[in-house]
C-alpha atoms as a PDB file:
ATOM      1  CA  MET A   1       0.000   0.000   0.000  1.00  0.00           C
ATOM      2  CA  ALA A   2       1.430   3.388  -0.954  1.00  0.00           C
ATOM      3  CA  THR A   3       1.984   5.965   1.748  1.00  0.00           C
ATOM      4  CA  LYS A   4       0.873   9.561   1.438  1.00  0.00           C
ATOM      5  CA  THR A   5       4.371  10.729   0.492  1.00  0.00           C
ATOM      6  CA  GLU A   6       4.876   7.950  -2.073  1.00  0.00           C
ATOM      7  CA  THR A   7       1.943   9.205  -4.123  1.00  0.00           C
ATOM      8  CA  ALA A   8       2.558  12.916  -3.559  1.00  0.00           C
ATOM      9  CA  ARG A   9       5.101  15.411  -4.742  1.00  0.00           C
ATOM     10  CA  ALA A  10       8.614  14.827  -3.398  1.00  0.00           C
ATOM     11  CA  THR A  11       8.480  18.089  -1.503  1.00  0.00           C
ATOM     12  CA  ALA A  12       5.336  16.964   0.349  1.00  0.00           C
ATOM     13  CA  GLN A  13       7.557  14.700   2.421  1.00  0.00           C
ATOM     14  CA  LEU A  14       9.785  17.661   3.294  1.00  0.00           C
ATOM     15  CA  SER A  15       6.718  19.643   4.364  1.00  0.00           C
ATOM     16  CA  GLU A  16       5.620  16.746   6.580  1.00  0.00           C
ATOM     17  CA  GLU A  17       9.055  16.746   8.206  1.00  0.00           C
ATOM     18  CA  HIS A  18       8.645  20.486   8.806  1.00  0.00           C
ATOM     19  CA  GLN A  19       5.650  19.698  11.010  1.00  0.00           C
ATOM     20  CA  ASN A  20       7.888  17.633  13.313  1.00  0.00           C
ATOM     21  CA  ILE A  21      10.400  20.477  13.471  1.00  0.00           C
ATOM     22  CA  LEU A  22       7.644  22.984  14.244  1.00  0.00           C
ATOM     23  CA  ARG A  23       6.368  20.765  17.087  1.00  0.00           C
ATOM     24  CA  VAL A  24       9.781  21.005  18.731  1.00  0.00           C
ATOM     25  CA  ILE A  25       9.967  24.752  18.056  1.00  0.00           C
ATOM     26  CA  VAL A  26       6.669  25.254  19.927  1.00  0.00           C
ATOM     27  CA  ALA A  27       8.105  23.382  22.916  1.00  0.00           C
ATOM     28  CA  VAL A  28      11.377  25.351  22.782  1.00  0.00           C
ATOM     29  CA  ARG A  29       9.424  28.626  22.721  1.00  0.00           C
ATOM     30  CA  ALA A  30       7.402  27.468  25.733  1.00  0.00           C
ATOM     31  CA  GLN A  31      10.560  26.583  27.650  1.00  0.00           C
ATOM     32  CA  CYS A  32      12.049  29.974  26.811  1.00  0.00           C
ATOM     33  CA  GLY A  33       8.906  31.625  28.158  1.00  0.00           C
ATOM     34  CA  ARG A  34       9.234  29.720  31.435  1.00  0.00           C
ATOM     35  CA  VAL A  35      12.877  30.718  31.766  1.00  0.00           C
ATOM     36  CA  ALA A  36      12.074  34.343  30.951  1.00  0.00           C
ATOM     37  CA  GLY A  37       9.435  34.151  33.694  1.00  0.00           C
ATOM     38  CA  GLY A  38      12.089  33.216  36.245  1.00  0.00           C
ATOM     39  CA  ALA A  39      12.232  29.414  36.087  1.00  0.00           C
ATOM     40  CA  ALA A  40      15.568  27.652  35.831  1.00  0.00           C
ATOM     41  CA  PRO A  41      16.250  26.268  32.366  1.00  0.00           C
ATOM     42  CA  ASP A  42      15.422  22.593  31.908  1.00  0.00           C
ATOM     43  CA  GLU A  43      18.877  21.663  30.668  1.00  0.00           C
ATOM     44  CA  GLY A  44      17.825  18.105  29.852  1.00  0.00           C
ATOM     45  CA  PHE A  45      15.049  19.381  27.612  1.00  0.00           C
ATOM     46  CA  PHE A  46      17.310  21.901  25.868  1.00  0.00           C
ATOM     47  CA  ARG A  47      19.998  19.252  25.285  1.00  0.00           C
ATOM     48  CA  LYS A  48      17.394  16.918  23.771  1.00  0.00           C
ATOM     49  CA  ALA A  49      16.053  19.777  21.646  1.00  0.00           C
ATOM     50  CA  VAL A  50      19.558  20.547  20.372  1.00  0.00           C
ATOM     51  CA  ASP A  51      20.064  16.848  19.638  1.00  0.00           C
ATOM     52  CA  PHE A  52      16.770  16.804  17.701  1.00  0.00           C
ATOM     53  CA  ILE A  53      17.712  19.920  15.752  1.00  0.00           C
ATOM     54  CA  ARG A  54      21.177  18.620  14.896  1.00  0.00           C
ATOM     55  CA  GLY A  55      20.072  15.070  14.136  1.00  0.00           C
ATOM     56  CA  TYR A  56      16.625  15.440  12.618  1.00  0.00           C
ATOM     57  CA  ALA A  57      16.405  18.971  11.219  1.00  0.00           C
ATOM     58  CA  ASP A  58      20.014  19.321  10.122  1.00  0.00           C
ATOM     59  CA  ARG A  59      21.490  15.890   9.329  1.00  0.00           C
ATOM     60  CA  PHE A  60      18.314  14.158   8.154  1.00  0.00           C
ATOM     61  CA  HIS A  61      15.999  16.828   6.733  1.00  0.00           C
ATOM     62  CA  HIS A  62      18.647  19.205   5.420  1.00  0.00           C
ATOM     63  CA  ALA A  63      20.446  16.264   3.791  1.00  0.00           C
ATOM     64  CA  LYS A  64      17.424  15.891   1.541  1.00  0.00           C
ATOM     65  CA  GLU A  65      17.337  19.589   0.729  1.00  0.00           C
ATOM     66  CA  GLU A  66      21.045  20.395   0.461  1.00  0.00           C
ATOM     67  CA  ASP A  67      22.298  17.138  -1.056  1.00  0.00           C
ATOM     68  CA  ILE A  68      19.335  16.150  -3.241  1.00  0.00           C
ATOM     69  CA  LEU A  69      16.670  18.812  -3.892  1.00  0.00           C
ATOM     70  CA  PHE A  70      18.839  21.913  -4.246  1.00  0.00           C
ATOM     71  CA  PRO A  71      21.352  20.308  -6.651  1.00  0.00           C
ATOM     72  CA  GLU A  72      18.435  18.933  -8.700  1.00  0.00           C
ATOM     73  CA  LEU A  73      17.061  22.456  -9.040  1.00  0.00           C
ATOM     74  CA  GLY A  74      20.349  23.470 -10.677  1.00  0.00           C
ATOM     75  CA  GLU A  75      20.230  20.734 -13.291  1.00  0.00           C
ATOM     76  CA  PRO A  76      19.738  21.557 -16.983  1.00  0.00           C
ATOM     77  CA  GLY A  77      16.087  21.654 -17.895  1.00  0.00           C
ATOM     78  CA  VAL A  78      14.940  22.795 -14.456  1.00  0.00           C
ATOM     79  CA  ARG A  79      13.932  26.412 -14.879  1.00  0.00           C
ATOM     80  CA  MET A  80      12.599  28.517 -12.058  1.00  0.00           C
ATOM     81  CA  HIS A  81      11.717  32.184 -12.448  1.00  0.00           C
ATOM     82  CA  CYS A  82      14.204  32.938  -9.623  1.00  0.00           C
ATOM     83  CA  ASP A  83      16.691  30.897  -7.628  1.00  0.00           C
ATOM     84  CA  PRO A  84      16.142  31.079  -3.852  1.00  0.00           C
ATOM     85  CA  ARG A  85      18.572  28.245  -3.053  1.00  0.00           C
ATOM     86  CA  GLY A  86      21.347  30.597  -1.940  1.00  0.00           C
ATOM     87  CA  GLN A  87      19.056  32.297   0.557  1.00  0.00           C
ATOM     88  CA  MET A  88      17.779  28.969   1.878  1.00  0.00           C
ATOM     89  CA  LEU A  89      21.353  27.707   2.362  1.00  0.00           C
ATOM     90  CA  HIS A  90      22.265  30.956   4.113  1.00  0.00           C
ATOM     91  CA  GLU A  91      19.323  30.489   6.472  1.00  0.00           C
ATOM     92  CA  HIS A  92      20.408  26.895   7.183  1.00  0.00           C
ATOM     93  CA  ASP A  93      23.799  28.301   8.207  1.00  0.00           C
ATOM     94  CA  LEU A  94      22.172  30.957  10.397  1.00  0.00           C
ATOM     95  CA  GLY A  95      20.184  28.207  12.101  1.00  0.00           C
ATOM     96  CA  ARG A  96      23.367  26.231  12.749  1.00  0.00           C
ATOM     97  CA  ALA A  97      24.922  29.317  14.343  1.00  0.00           C
ATOM     98  CA  PHE A  98      21.934  29.692  16.696  1.00  0.00           C
ATOM     99  CA  VAL A  99      22.183  26.020  17.671  1.00  0.00           C
ATOM    100  CA  LYS A 100      25.902  26.383  18.314  1.00  0.00           C
ATOM    101  CA  GLY A 101      25.075  29.376  20.512  1.00  0.00           C
ATOM    102  CA  MET A 102      22.559  27.253  22.423  1.00  0.00           C
ATOM    103  CA  GLU A 103      25.159  24.534  22.977  1.00  0.00           C
ATOM    104  CA  GLU A 104      27.747  27.036  24.152  1.00  0.00           C
ATOM    105  CA  ALA A 105      25.244  28.688  26.496  1.00  0.00           C
ATOM    106  CA  LEU A 106      24.300  25.319  27.976  1.00  0.00           C
ATOM    107  CA  ALA A 107      27.962  24.437  28.508  1.00  0.00           C
ATOM    108  CA  SER A 108      28.739  27.757  30.185  1.00  0.00           C
ATOM    109  CA  GLY A 109      25.493  28.149  32.124  1.00  0.00           C
ATOM    110  CA  LYS A 110      24.599  31.421  30.394  1.00  0.00           C
ATOM    111  CA  THR A 111      20.824  31.400  30.622  1.00  0.00           C
ATOM    112  CA  ALA A 112      20.217  34.683  28.798  1.00  0.00           C
ATOM    113  CA  ALA A 113      22.351  33.520  25.851  1.00  0.00           C
ATOM    114  CA  LEU A 114      20.506  30.193  25.793  1.00  0.00           C
ATOM    115  CA  VAL A 115      17.124  31.906  25.561  1.00  0.00           C
ATOM    116  CA  GLU A 116      18.365  34.454  23.025  1.00  0.00           C
ATOM    117  CA  ASN A 117      19.786  31.788  20.714  1.00  0.00           C
ATOM    118  CA  ALA A 118      16.809  29.464  21.161  1.00  0.00           C
ATOM    119  CA  ARG A 119      14.336  32.223  20.339  1.00  0.00           C
ATOM    120  CA  GLY A 120      16.475  33.315  17.397  1.00  0.00           C
ATOM    121  CA  TYR A 121      16.457  29.775  16.040  1.00  0.00           C
ATOM    122  CA  CYS A 122      12.699  29.447  16.516  1.00  0.00           C
ATOM    123  CA  GLY A 123      11.919  32.709  14.744  1.00  0.00           C
ATOM    124  CA  LEU A 124      14.287  31.950  11.886  1.00  0.00           C
ATOM    125  CA  LEU A 125      12.921  28.449  11.349  1.00  0.00           C
ATOM    126  CA  GLU A 126       9.276  29.494  11.481  1.00  0.00           C
ATOM    127  CA  GLU A 127       9.909  32.012   8.696  1.00  0.00           C
ATOM    128  CA  HIS A 128      12.226  29.650   6.810  1.00  0.00           C
ATOM    129  CA  ILE A 129       9.707  26.806   6.852  1.00  0.00           C
ATOM    130  CA  TYR A 130       6.954  29.144   5.695  1.00  0.00           C
ATOM    131  CA  LYS A 131       9.087  30.228   2.707  1.00  0.00           C
ATOM    132  CA  GLU A 132       9.979  26.662   1.772  1.00  0.00           C
ATOM    133  CA  ASP A 133       6.460  25.260   2.103  1.00  0.00           C
ATOM    134  CA  ASN A 134       4.687  28.156   0.387  1.00  0.00           C
ATOM    135  CA  ILE A 135       7.205  29.487  -2.134  1.00  0.00           C
ATOM    136  CA  LEU A 136      10.224  27.256  -2.793  1.00  0.00           C
ATOM    137  CA  TYR A 137       8.558  23.835  -2.850  1.00  0.00           C
ATOM    138  CA  PRO A 138       5.642  24.759  -5.135  1.00  0.00           C
ATOM    139  CA  MET A 139       8.065  26.567  -7.457  1.00  0.00           C
ATOM    140  CA  ALA A 140      10.435  23.583  -7.408  1.00  0.00           C
ATOM    141  CA  GLU A 141       7.690  21.063  -8.174  1.00  0.00           C
ATOM    142  CA  GLU A 142       6.476  23.152 -11.098  1.00  0.00           C
ATOM    143  CA  ALA A 143      10.004  23.488 -12.459  1.00  0.00           C
ATOM    144  CA  MET A 144      10.922  19.805 -12.000  1.00  0.00           C
ATOM    145  CA  GLY A 145       7.732  18.186 -13.211  1.00  0.00           C
ATOM    146  CA  PRO A 146       6.330  14.836 -12.053  1.00  0.00           C
ATOM    147  CA  GLU A 147       9.106  12.602 -13.430  1.00  0.00           C
ATOM    148  CA  ARG A 148      11.929  14.401 -11.648  1.00  0.00           C
ATOM    149  CA  SER A 149       9.803  14.629  -8.519  1.00  0.00           C
ATOM    150  CA  ALA A 150       9.248  10.858  -8.585  1.00  0.00           C
ATOM    151  CA  LYS A 151      13.014  10.290  -8.868  1.00  0.00           C
ATOM    152  CA  LEU A 152      13.586  12.577  -5.897  1.00  0.00           C
ATOM    153  CA  ARG A 153      11.104  10.547  -3.828  1.00  0.00           C
ATOM    154  CA  GLY A 154      13.263   7.495  -4.476  1.00  0.00           C
ATOM    155  CA  ARG A 155      16.398   9.334  -3.410  1.00  0.00           C
ATOM    156  CA  PHE A 156      14.629  10.654  -0.310  1.00  0.00           C
ATOM    157  CA  ALA A 157      13.646   7.067   0.543  1.00  0.00           C
ATOM    158  CA  ALA A 158      17.341   6.113   0.551  1.00  0.00           C
ATOM    159  CA  VAL A 159      18.001   8.881   3.103  1.00  0.00           C
ATOM    160  CA  ASP A 160      15.034   7.629   5.149  1.00  0.00           C
ATOM    161  CA  ARG A 161      16.541   4.133   5.235  1.00  0.00           C
ATOM    162  CA  LYS A 162      20.016   5.433   6.122  1.00  0.00           C
ATOM    163  CA  PHE A 163      18.758   7.433   9.108  1.00  0.00           C
ATOM    164  CA  ALA A 164      15.827   5.191  10.160  1.00  0.00           C
ATOM    165  CA  GLY A 165      17.045   4.354  13.673  1.00  0.00           C
ATOM    166  CA  ALA A 166      18.057   7.887  14.611  1.00  0.00           C
ATOM    167  CA  VAL A 167      14.931   9.376  13.063  1.00  0.00           C
ATOM    168  CA  LYS A 168      12.718   7.117  15.184  1.00  0.00           C
ATOM    169  CA  GLU A 169      14.409   8.376  18.360  1.00  0.00           C
ATOM    170  CA  HIS A 170      13.991  11.997  17.270  1.00  0.00           C
ATOM    171  CA  LEU A 171      10.347  11.490  16.345  1.00  0.00           C
ATOM    172  CA  ASP A 172       9.705   9.812  19.689  1.00  0.00           C
ATOM    173  CA  PHE A 173      11.095  12.930  21.402  1.00  0.00           C
ATOM    174  CA  ALA A 174       8.932  15.225  19.278  1.00  0.00           C
ATOM    175  CA  ALA A 175       5.817  13.084  19.812  1.00  0.00           C
ATOM    176  CA  GLY A 176       6.310  13.231  23.589  1.00  0.00           C
ATOM    177  CA  LEU A 177       6.136  17.026  23.679  1.00  0.00           C
ATOM    178  CA  THR A 178       2.933  18.714  24.757  1.00  0.00           C
END
């Protein structure tokens, strides 16, 4: 039986993964609010959130975008009216800098820096995901056409298999957030 992403556009799977990332962002924002209200940071939560971001959002999800989708969009015959890939890559790098700042703040016990970097990451990713889901992905699907999109789904499936064990752990973390 075909899954929803097997019968959909390749980028539909990326949008589904965005929903998992957004679930964690909501929880990070909530934790930042508690800390800003005077509570001590839940270091265990923040470490797990950083692990999720690094493992799921960056290694797993961004591998599909940076190593598969974005290069495909540069192939001959794929014509978009503009090329937002450079901006998307720049935003991925900005996100990595925020996560590094979170890690450094956790290691040094700098609560204000932890909250600042966590909120910066959340704001960046909310906007970034909106741009990908509503601008880049529809434009990419139109430019690639159904045949290229189908090939990308196959390549995405290889990434899914490669990261299956780690992804399950990350999704379990995300599913446990309220």
